[in-house]
Amino acid sequence: MGDNKLYLNKGNFKFEDITEKAGIKGTKAWSTGVVMVDINADGWLDIYVCNAGYFKGDDQENELFINTTPLTGGQGGATFT
C-alpha cells in the first residue's frame, strides 16, 4: 500500500525516481498490478494500473496513464496524463 512509483533506469544499477515528474503517483489507496502497453498506438508505452482492496471512500477503479512525452535517448523522463 502506498503511492505508485516509476523509476528511470540510468544504467549501471542506477535508477532515478521520476514518479512526480511523470505524473503517475495515482489517486487510489491500493494498487495491485501494472502493465505497460501502447494502448493508443502512438509508439509510446502507456501505463495501466489495477487497484483493489476496500477503503471507505475509494472506488477501486483502475487507472490508465497515457504517455504524452516519451523518453528520448534514455534521457529525461516521460510524462503521463
Protein backbone atom coordinates (compact mmCIF):
# COMPACT_ATOMS: atom_id res chain seq x y z
CA MET A 1 0.00 0.00 0.00
CA GLY A 2 1.32 3.37 -0.95
CA ASP A 3 1.80 5.67 -3.91
CA ASN A 4 2.73 4.32 -7.33
CA LYS A 5 6.42 4.63 -8.23
CA LEU A 6 8.17 4.91 -11.59
CA TYR A 7 11.94 4.62 -11.90
CA LEU A 8 14.11 5.50 -14.88
CA ASN A 9 16.93 3.01 -15.46
CA LYS A 10 20.08 5.13 -15.95
CA GLY A 11 22.33 2.06 -16.41
CA ASN A 12 24.99 0.52 -14.15
CA PHE A 13 22.34 -0.27 -11.48
CA LYS A 14 21.47 3.43 -11.11
CA PHE A 15 17.78 4.40 -11.04
CA GLU A 16 16.07 7.79 -10.81
CA ASP A 17 12.65 8.16 -9.18
CA ILE A 18 10.63 10.11 -11.80
CA THR A 19 7.21 9.47 -10.20
CA GLU A 20 6.34 13.13 -9.57
CA LYS A 21 7.74 14.35 -12.91
CA ALA A 22 5.87 11.65 -14.80
CA GLY A 23 2.56 12.27 -13.02
CA ILE A 24 1.80 8.61 -12.24
CA LYS A 25 1.58 8.77 -8.44
CA GLY A 26 -2.08 7.73 -8.65
CA THR A 27 -5.09 8.54 -6.52
CA LYS A 28 -6.19 5.11 -5.26
CA ALA A 29 -5.45 3.50 -1.90
CA TRP A 30 -4.08 0.15 -3.04
CA SER A 31 -2.52 -0.64 -6.43
CA THR A 32 -2.20 -4.37 -7.05
CA GLY A 33 -0.81 -4.75 -10.56
CA VAL A 34 0.52 -2.89 -13.56
CA VAL A 35 1.01 -3.43 -17.27
CA MET A 36 2.72 -1.25 -19.83
CA VAL A 37 1.09 -1.21 -23.27
CA ASP A 38 0.82 1.17 -26.21
CA ILE A 39 -2.95 1.49 -25.77
CA ASN A 40 -3.40 4.29 -28.33
CA ALA A 41 -0.89 3.00 -30.93
CA ASP A 42 1.26 6.15 -30.90
CA GLY A 43 4.52 4.22 -30.37
CA TRP A 44 4.89 5.21 -26.69
CA LEU A 45 4.25 2.89 -23.73
CA ASP A 46 1.28 3.82 -21.56
CA ILE A 47 0.70 2.51 -18.01
CA TYR A 48 -2.43 0.68 -16.80
CA VAL A 49 -2.66 0.21 -13.01
CA CYS A 50 -5.06 -2.23 -11.32
CA ASN A 51 -6.49 -1.22 -7.94
CA ALA A 52 -8.25 -3.30 -5.28
CA GLY A 53 -8.95 -3.50 -1.57
CA TYR A 54 -11.76 -1.93 0.40
CA PHE A 55 -11.21 1.52 1.82
CA LYS A 56 -14.08 3.83 2.70
CA GLY A 57 -14.45 6.48 0.00
CA ASP A 58 -12.15 4.70 -2.50
CA ASP A 59 -13.96 3.46 -5.60
CA GLN A 60 -11.21 0.94 -6.54
CA GLU A 61 -11.33 1.95 -10.21
CA ASN A 62 -8.27 1.06 -12.27
CA GLU A 63 -6.16 3.92 -13.66
CA LEU A 64 -4.83 4.47 -17.18
CA PHE A 65 -1.88 6.84 -17.62
CA ILE A 66 -1.40 7.93 -21.25
CA ASN A 67 2.19 8.75 -22.21
CA THR A 68 2.24 12.32 -23.55
CA THR A 69 6.01 12.93 -23.56
CA PRO A 70 8.20 9.89 -24.26
CA LEU A 71 11.74 9.26 -23.07
CA THR A 72 14.23 10.42 -25.68
CA GLY A 73 17.51 8.60 -25.99
CA GLY A 74 17.19 7.31 -22.41
CA GLN A 75 17.41 10.85 -21.02
CA GLY A 76 14.92 12.92 -19.08
CA GLY A 77 11.63 11.32 -18.23
CA ALA A 78 8.24 10.57 -19.69
CA THR A 79 5.10 12.40 -18.61
CA PHE A 80 1.60 10.92 -18.44
CA THR A 81 -2.00 12.16 -18.23
